[in-house]
Amino acid sequence: MNHTLPAYKLNLPPERYVSVPAERLQRFARGIGLALGLPDAHAGQLAELLTGNDLRGVHSHGTRMIASYADEIRGGRLNPTPEPRVVRETPVSLVVDGDGGLGYFAAHLAAERAIDKARDTGVAVAVTRNHGHIGAAGIYARMTLPHDLLCFVTGGARLEMEPGMPVYSSAVGSPMCFSGPAGDADPLIVDFSPVYDLRSSPHREELEDWIPGTIFRCIGLGNIAQAWGGILAGVPQERDAPPPRFPSAHQAATFMMFRIDLFLDPVVFRRQMDVMAERVAELAPLPGFSKAQFAGAPEAEHARRYADEGIPVGDEHRRELEALADDLGIDTPWSSDG
């Protein structure tokens, strides 16, 4: 089953939707997780993280993803009851094994532990491996914001490349996120996949002719994601490398963070971030947009609005969740008794 959207349609507000209170959508997603055999703690954590993305308007990585995860878990391609654990550690680094499960659990553990280390030592790096999808990299980059840390998160996977495939196949997936706190302004969150447009945009060939330098930079960033987020964590790239025990547990991630006060008083940093956000807001926006904003500000605005008005669940999103809920015998949160 295909649960992806073309890049040019990703995360646009749906034209047709039902508004669902965040707590109801989160409760529904938790019920789906439990029905799939996830332990209570994991089902609750997954539901919270996916609903959090929906609140920010990042529906590509919100609750609709649970339909794909259900396919993988029910098909035996992911471990429904993983026990992520730290398998290597130094004062400034750690390696977390995901035990063949969804990547959220290993990634969240790694980010939490790395934050503790960075607060103690100034700098920390963590890698995770042997797991599935970690979701939006921004989930983990945002965890560092209350601690006056700057953060970079990326991920990689075992790539399926064959001779003659397009060169951007060397960078498929490749999540990245950079984050930095601000004061009164919304924090800086740059959460993206550098090659997603190359995979699905109907204008890809035109872009290759018009701005080849940008195409090369996107592929290069994707290669960095695979090298730092995949190979560094031990993901093999040989065509004949043995598959993992759980076939979809071929992904990995890397988390890098450091304290702002190694270089500057965090109060000064946050104040200057506010100044930059104010000056950005004075600039002319791109065509089709009503205002210029710091990266991350639109998602923060969505979160405030949707917390009050409910999360807009578009028609396709709703149909996917309805099909899964019907299969599992669970009421949807927009049904009369959901």
Protein backbone atom coordinates (compact mmCIF):
# COMPACT_ATOMS: atom_id res chain seq x y z
CA MET A 1 0.00 0.00 0.00
CA ASN A 2 1.34 3.43 -0.94
CA HIS A 3 0.96 6.06 1.78
CA THR A 4 3.11 8.79 0.26
CA LEU A 5 2.20 12.13 -1.26
CA PRO A 6 3.89 13.99 -4.12
CA ALA A 7 6.43 16.45 -2.72
CA TYR A 8 4.63 19.48 -4.10
CA LYS A 9 1.52 18.51 -2.09
CA LEU A 10 3.29 17.69 1.15
CA ASN A 11 1.90 19.45 4.22
CA LEU A 12 -0.31 21.94 2.45
CA PRO A 13 -3.45 22.55 4.53
CA PRO A 14 -6.13 20.18 3.18
CA GLU A 15 -8.98 21.77 1.25
CA ARG A 16 -11.51 19.29 2.68
CA TYR A 17 -11.11 18.03 6.23
CA VAL A 18 -12.66 17.23 9.56
CA SER A 19 -11.32 18.99 12.65
CA VAL A 20 -10.31 16.57 15.39
CA PRO A 21 -9.18 17.62 18.88
CA ALA A 22 -5.55 16.64 19.39
CA GLU A 23 -6.27 14.56 22.49
CA ARG A 24 -8.88 12.48 20.61
CA LEU A 25 -6.56 11.87 17.68
CA GLN A 26 -3.75 10.93 20.07
CA ARG A 27 -6.02 8.54 21.96
CA PHE A 28 -7.06 6.94 18.66
CA ALA A 29 -3.43 6.52 17.51
CA ARG A 30 -2.55 4.95 20.86
CA GLY A 31 -5.40 2.48 20.41
CA ILE A 32 -4.08 1.57 16.97
CA GLY A 33 -0.63 0.98 18.43
CA LEU A 34 -2.01 -1.27 21.15
CA ALA A 35 -4.05 -3.22 18.60
CA LEU A 36 -0.85 -3.78 16.60
CA GLY A 37 0.80 -5.33 19.65
CA LEU A 38 2.96 -2.42 20.80
CA PRO A 39 3.60 -2.23 24.54
CA ASP A 40 1.56 0.45 26.29
CA ALA A 41 4.52 2.80 26.79
CA HIS A 42 5.53 2.58 23.12
CA ALA A 43 1.96 2.93 21.86
CA GLY A 44 1.54 6.07 23.95
CA GLN A 45 4.87 7.55 22.90
CA LEU A 46 4.26 6.90 19.21
CA ALA A 47 0.77 8.42 19.41
CA GLU A 48 2.11 11.52 21.16
CA LEU A 49 4.89 12.07 18.61
CA LEU A 50 2.70 11.50 15.54
CA THR A 51 -0.07 13.75 16.87
CA GLY A 52 2.55 16.38 17.67
CA ASN A 53 3.55 16.43 14.01
CA ASP A 54 -0.09 16.78 12.96
CA LEU A 55 -0.42 19.72 15.35
CA ARG A 56 2.46 21.42 13.54
CA GLY A 57 0.82 20.76 10.17
CA VAL A 58 3.48 18.17 9.26
CA HIS A 59 0.84 15.67 8.18
CA SER A 60 3.33 13.77 5.99
CA HIS A 61 4.87 12.49 9.25
CA GLY A 62 1.79 12.55 11.45
CA THR A 63 -0.85 9.99 12.34
CA ARG A 64 -1.38 8.94 8.73
CA MET A 65 2.03 7.22 8.93
CA ILE A 66 0.63 4.64 11.33
CA ALA A 67 -1.02 2.95 8.34
CA SER A 68 2.42 2.25 6.83
CA TYR A 69 3.78 1.14 10.18
CA ALA A 70 0.84 -1.24 10.58
CA ASP A 71 1.73 -2.86 7.24
CA GLU A 72 5.32 -3.39 8.38
CA ILE A 73 4.45 -4.68 11.85
CA ARG A 74 1.67 -7.00 10.73
CA GLY A 75 3.83 -8.27 7.89
CA GLY A 76 6.63 -9.23 10.30
CA ARG A 77 9.02 -6.66 8.87
CA LEU A 78 9.34 -4.79 12.19
CA ASN A 79 9.49 -6.03 15.78
CA PRO A 80 6.31 -4.91 17.60
CA THR A 81 7.93 -5.28 21.04
CA PRO A 82 11.48 -3.93 20.72
CA GLU A 83 13.69 -3.15 23.68
CA PRO A 84 16.11 -0.41 22.57
CA ARG A 85 19.33 -0.39 24.55
CA VAL A 86 22.63 1.47 24.75
CA VAL A 87 25.35 -0.84 23.43
CA ARG A 88 28.34 1.52 23.49
CA GLU A 89 28.99 4.69 25.46
CA THR A 90 31.60 7.33 26.29
CA PRO A 91 31.22 10.62 28.19
CA VAL A 92 30.32 12.36 24.89
CA SER A 93 28.78 9.62 22.74
CA LEU A 94 26.49 6.62 22.68
CA VAL A 95 25.21 3.95 20.32
CA VAL A 96 21.63 2.72 20.67
CA ASP A 97 20.39 -0.54 19.14
CA GLY A 98 16.70 -0.40 18.15
CA ASP A 99 16.07 -4.16 18.40
CA GLY A 100 14.31 -4.28 15.04
CA GLY A 101 11.42 -2.00 16.00
CA LEU A 102 10.15 1.36 14.84
CA GLY A 103 12.90 3.97 15.01
CA TYR A 104 11.01 6.40 17.24
CA PHE A 105 11.81 4.50 20.40
CA ALA A 106 15.56 4.16 19.83
CA ALA A 107 15.81 7.72 18.50
CA HIS A 108 13.95 9.24 21.44
CA LEU A 109 16.14 7.33 23.91
CA ALA A 110 19.30 8.42 22.08
CA ALA A 111 18.22 12.08 21.99
CA GLU A 112 17.36 12.09 25.69
CA ARG A 113 20.69 10.54 26.67
CA ALA A 114 22.65 12.80 24.33
CA ILE A 115 20.99 15.89 25.80
CA ASP A 116 22.10 14.81 29.26
CA LYS A 117 25.66 14.31 28.02
CA ALA A 118 25.76 17.64 26.17
CA ARG A 119 24.55 19.49 29.26
CA ASP A 120 27.35 17.86 31.27
CA THR A 121 30.23 17.99 28.77
CA GLY A 122 29.23 20.67 26.26
CA VAL A 123 29.05 18.37 23.22
CA ALA A 124 27.40 15.03 22.50
CA VAL A 125 26.90 12.70 19.54
CA ALA A 126 24.63 9.65 19.39
CA VAL A 127 23.85 7.12 16.70
CA THR A 128 21.02 4.61 16.48
CA ARG A 129 20.77 1.50 14.31
CA ASN A 130 18.78 -1.66 13.66
CA HIS A 131 15.36 -0.03 13.48
CA GLY A 132 12.73 1.32 11.10
CA HIS A 133 11.56 4.85 10.36
CA ILE A 134 12.37 7.52 12.97
CA GLY A 135 9.68 9.88 11.67
CA ALA A 136 10.38 13.58 11.26
CA ALA A 137 13.91 14.51 12.32
CA GLY A 138 12.44 17.67 13.83
CA ILE A 139 10.94 15.64 16.67
CA TYR A 140 14.38 15.11 18.15
CA ALA A 141 15.92 18.46 17.19
CA ARG A 142 13.13 20.23 19.06
CA MET A 143 13.91 18.24 22.21
CA THR A 144 17.14 20.24 22.61
CA LEU A 145 15.52 23.69 22.55
CA PRO A 146 14.76 24.04 26.29
CA HIS A 147 18.37 23.21 27.12
CA ASP A 148 20.10 25.97 25.12
CA LEU A 149 21.61 23.45 22.73
CA LEU A 150 22.10 23.73 18.99
CA CYS A 151 21.32 20.48 17.21
CA PHE A 152 21.66 18.58 13.94
CA VAL A 153 19.78 15.33 13.27
CA THR A 154 20.07 13.16 10.20
CA GLY A 155 19.37 9.60 9.15
CA GLY A 156 20.37 6.98 6.64
CA ALA A 157 19.36 3.56 5.43
CA ARG A 158 20.52 0.62 3.40
CA LEU A 159 20.08 1.89 -0.14
CA GLU A 160 18.70 -0.11 -3.03
CA MET A 161 20.81 1.12 -5.93
CA GLU A 162 21.15 -0.67 -9.25
CA PRO A 163 23.21 0.31 -12.31
CA GLY A 164 21.40 2.85 -14.46
CA MET A 165 19.15 4.23 -11.72
CA PRO A 166 19.04 8.06 -11.35
CA VAL A 167 21.93 9.47 -9.34
CA TYR A 168 19.58 10.84 -6.67
CA SER A 169 18.95 7.19 -5.75
CA SER A 170 22.17 7.54 -3.77
CA ALA A 171 20.36 9.83 -1.33
CA VAL A 172 16.81 8.47 -1.00
CA GLY A 173 15.08 9.44 2.24
CA SER A 174 17.82 11.41 3.91
CA PRO A 175 16.03 13.35 6.68
CA MET A 176 17.78 16.38 8.15
CA CYS A 177 16.91 18.92 10.78
CA PHE A 178 18.79 21.86 12.29
CA SER A 179 17.42 23.68 15.33
CA GLY A 180 18.17 26.66 17.53
CA PRO A 181 16.24 28.37 20.34
CA ALA A 182 14.99 31.94 20.29
CA GLY A 183 13.54 34.22 22.94
CA ASP A 184 10.09 35.62 22.18
CA ALA A 185 10.22 34.50 18.55
CA ASP A 186 9.47 30.95 17.45
CA PRO A 187 12.58 28.75 17.43
CA LEU A 188 14.51 28.06 14.26
CA ILE A 189 13.58 24.62 12.91
CA VAL A 190 14.84 23.58 9.46
CA ASP A 191 13.35 20.11 8.91
CA PHE A 192 13.58 18.65 5.41
CA SER A 193 14.64 15.90 3.04
CA PRO A 194 17.11 17.31 0.51
CA VAL A 195 16.09 14.95 -2.31
CA TYR A 196 12.36 14.41 -1.82
CA ASP A 197 11.47 16.81 -4.65
CA LEU A 198 13.83 14.96 -6.98
CA ARG A 199 11.92 11.75 -6.36
CA SER A 200 8.40 12.97 -6.97
CA SER A 201 8.16 16.49 -8.40
CA PRO A 202 6.65 16.68 -11.90
CA HIS A 203 9.14 19.49 -12.58
CA ARG A 204 12.29 17.51 -11.76
CA GLU A 205 13.63 17.41 -15.32
CA GLU A 206 13.06 21.14 -15.74
CA LEU A 207 14.89 21.82 -12.47
CA GLU A 208 17.80 19.67 -13.63
CA ASP A 209 18.13 21.92 -16.69
CA TRP A 210 17.45 25.24 -14.94
CA ILE A 211 19.41 24.91 -11.69
CA PRO A 212 21.82 21.95 -11.93
CA GLY A 213 23.96 23.37 -9.14
CA THR A 214 21.05 23.21 -6.72
CA ILE A 215 20.35 19.63 -7.81
CA PHE A 216 23.95 18.64 -7.09
CA ARG A 217 23.81 20.31 -3.68
CA CYS A 218 20.62 18.44 -2.82
CA ILE A 219 22.20 15.14 -3.79
CA GLY A 220 25.34 16.04 -1.84
CA LEU A 221 23.31 16.77 1.28
CA GLY A 222 21.52 13.46 0.81
CA ASN A 223 24.88 11.70 0.54
CA ILE A 224 25.95 13.32 3.81
CA ALA A 225 22.77 12.02 5.44
CA GLN A 226 23.51 8.50 4.26
CA ALA A 227 27.17 8.69 5.30
CA TRP A 228 26.73 10.38 8.70
CA GLY A 229 23.29 9.01 9.49
CA GLY A 230 23.65 5.54 8.00
CA ILE A 231 27.18 4.30 7.40
CA LEU A 232 28.48 5.91 10.62
CA ALA A 233 25.89 3.91 12.56
CA GLY A 234 26.97 0.66 10.90
CA VAL A 235 24.44 0.32 8.06
CA PRO A 236 26.10 -1.77 5.31
CA GLN A 237 25.90 -0.63 1.69
CA GLU A 238 27.16 -3.73 -0.13
CA ARG A 239 24.56 -5.15 -2.50
CA ASP A 240 25.02 -8.66 -1.04
CA ALA A 241 25.11 -7.66 2.65
CA PRO A 242 22.96 -9.99 4.77
CA PRO A 243 19.52 -8.56 5.57
CA PRO A 244 18.57 -7.68 9.16
CA ARG A 245 16.40 -10.07 11.14
CA PHE A 246 13.45 -7.71 10.68
CA PRO A 247 13.65 -6.60 7.01
CA SER A 248 12.44 -3.01 7.56
CA ALA A 249 14.95 -2.43 10.37
CA HIS A 250 17.60 -1.19 7.95
CA GLN A 251 17.60 2.43 9.05
CA ALA A 252 19.80 4.47 11.37
CA ALA A 253 20.20 8.02 12.66
CA THR A 254 22.77 10.43 14.07
CA PHE A 255 22.23 13.23 16.63
CA MET A 256 24.79 15.99 17.18
CA MET A 257 24.33 18.76 19.74
CA PHE A 258 26.37 21.33 21.64
CA ARG A 259 25.87 24.01 24.27
CA ILE A 260 25.52 27.58 23.11
CA ASP A 261 27.46 28.83 26.14
CA LEU A 262 30.65 27.28 24.78
CA PHE A 263 30.72 30.35 22.53
CA LEU A 264 28.14 32.90 23.61
CA ASP A 265 25.82 33.73 26.49
CA PRO A 266 22.55 31.90 25.62
CA VAL A 267 20.56 35.00 26.61
CA VAL A 268 22.44 37.01 24.00
CA PHE A 269 21.99 34.27 21.42
CA ARG A 270 18.23 34.08 21.93
CA ARG A 271 17.90 37.86 21.82
CA GLN A 272 19.82 38.02 18.56
CA MET A 273 17.64 35.25 17.14
CA ASP A 274 14.62 37.40 17.95
CA VAL A 275 16.22 40.34 16.14
CA MET A 276 16.90 38.19 13.09
CA ALA A 277 13.31 36.89 13.10
CA GLU A 278 12.01 40.47 13.26
CA ARG A 279 14.19 41.53 10.34
CA VAL A 280 13.18 38.48 8.29
CA ALA A 281 9.53 39.45 8.83
CA GLU A 282 10.25 42.82 7.18
CA LEU A 283 11.39 41.15 3.95
CA ALA A 284 9.24 40.53 0.87
CA PRO A 285 7.78 37.00 0.92
CA LEU A 286 8.01 34.46 -1.88
CA PRO A 287 5.21 34.59 -4.47
CA GLY A 288 2.05 33.01 -3.13
CA PHE A 289 2.90 33.66 0.52
CA SER A 290 1.46 36.43 2.64
CA LYS A 291 4.54 37.07 4.76
CA ALA A 292 8.21 36.22 5.19
CA GLN A 293 9.03 34.04 8.21
CA PHE A 294 11.87 32.35 10.02
CA ALA A 295 12.06 28.63 9.22
CA GLY A 296 9.88 26.81 11.74
CA ALA A 297 7.52 29.73 12.40
CA PRO A 298 4.69 28.48 10.15
CA GLU A 299 4.65 25.13 11.95
CA ALA A 300 4.63 26.85 15.33
CA GLU A 301 1.66 28.95 14.20
CA HIS A 302 -0.16 25.80 13.09
CA ALA A 303 0.45 24.22 16.49
CA ARG A 304 -1.12 27.16 18.32
CA ARG A 305 -4.09 27.31 15.97
CA TYR A 306 -4.77 23.57 15.81
CA ALA A 307 -4.49 23.23 19.58
CA ASP A 308 -7.52 25.53 19.79
CA GLU A 309 -9.47 24.58 16.66
CA GLY A 310 -8.57 20.92 16.25
CA ILE A 311 -6.28 19.18 13.78
CA PRO A 312 -7.51 19.25 10.16
CA VAL A 313 -7.64 15.65 8.95
CA GLY A 314 -7.92 15.68 5.15
CA ASP A 315 -9.95 13.24 3.08
CA GLU A 316 -7.07 10.95 2.08
CA HIS A 317 -5.65 10.99 5.61
CA ARG A 318 -9.08 10.12 6.99
CA ARG A 319 -9.71 7.31 4.49
CA GLU A 320 -6.39 5.63 5.31
CA LEU A 321 -7.07 5.74 9.04
CA GLU A 322 -10.67 4.60 8.58
CA ALA A 323 -9.57 1.56 6.59
CA LEU A 324 -7.05 0.60 9.27
CA ALA A 325 -9.48 1.27 12.12
CA ASP A 326 -12.16 -0.83 10.44
CA ASP A 327 -9.71 -3.68 9.96
CA LEU A 328 -8.71 -3.53 13.64
CA GLY A 329 -12.24 -2.95 14.98
CA ILE A 330 -11.49 0.51 16.41
CA ASP A 331 -13.74 3.58 16.27
CA THR A 332 -12.32 6.64 14.58
CA PRO A 333 -12.12 9.90 16.55
CA TRP A 334 -14.53 11.61 14.13
CA SER A 335 -17.23 8.93 14.42
CA SER A 336 -20.20 9.66 16.67
CA ASP A 337 -18.82 7.44 19.40
CA GLY A 338 -15.09 7.82 18.67
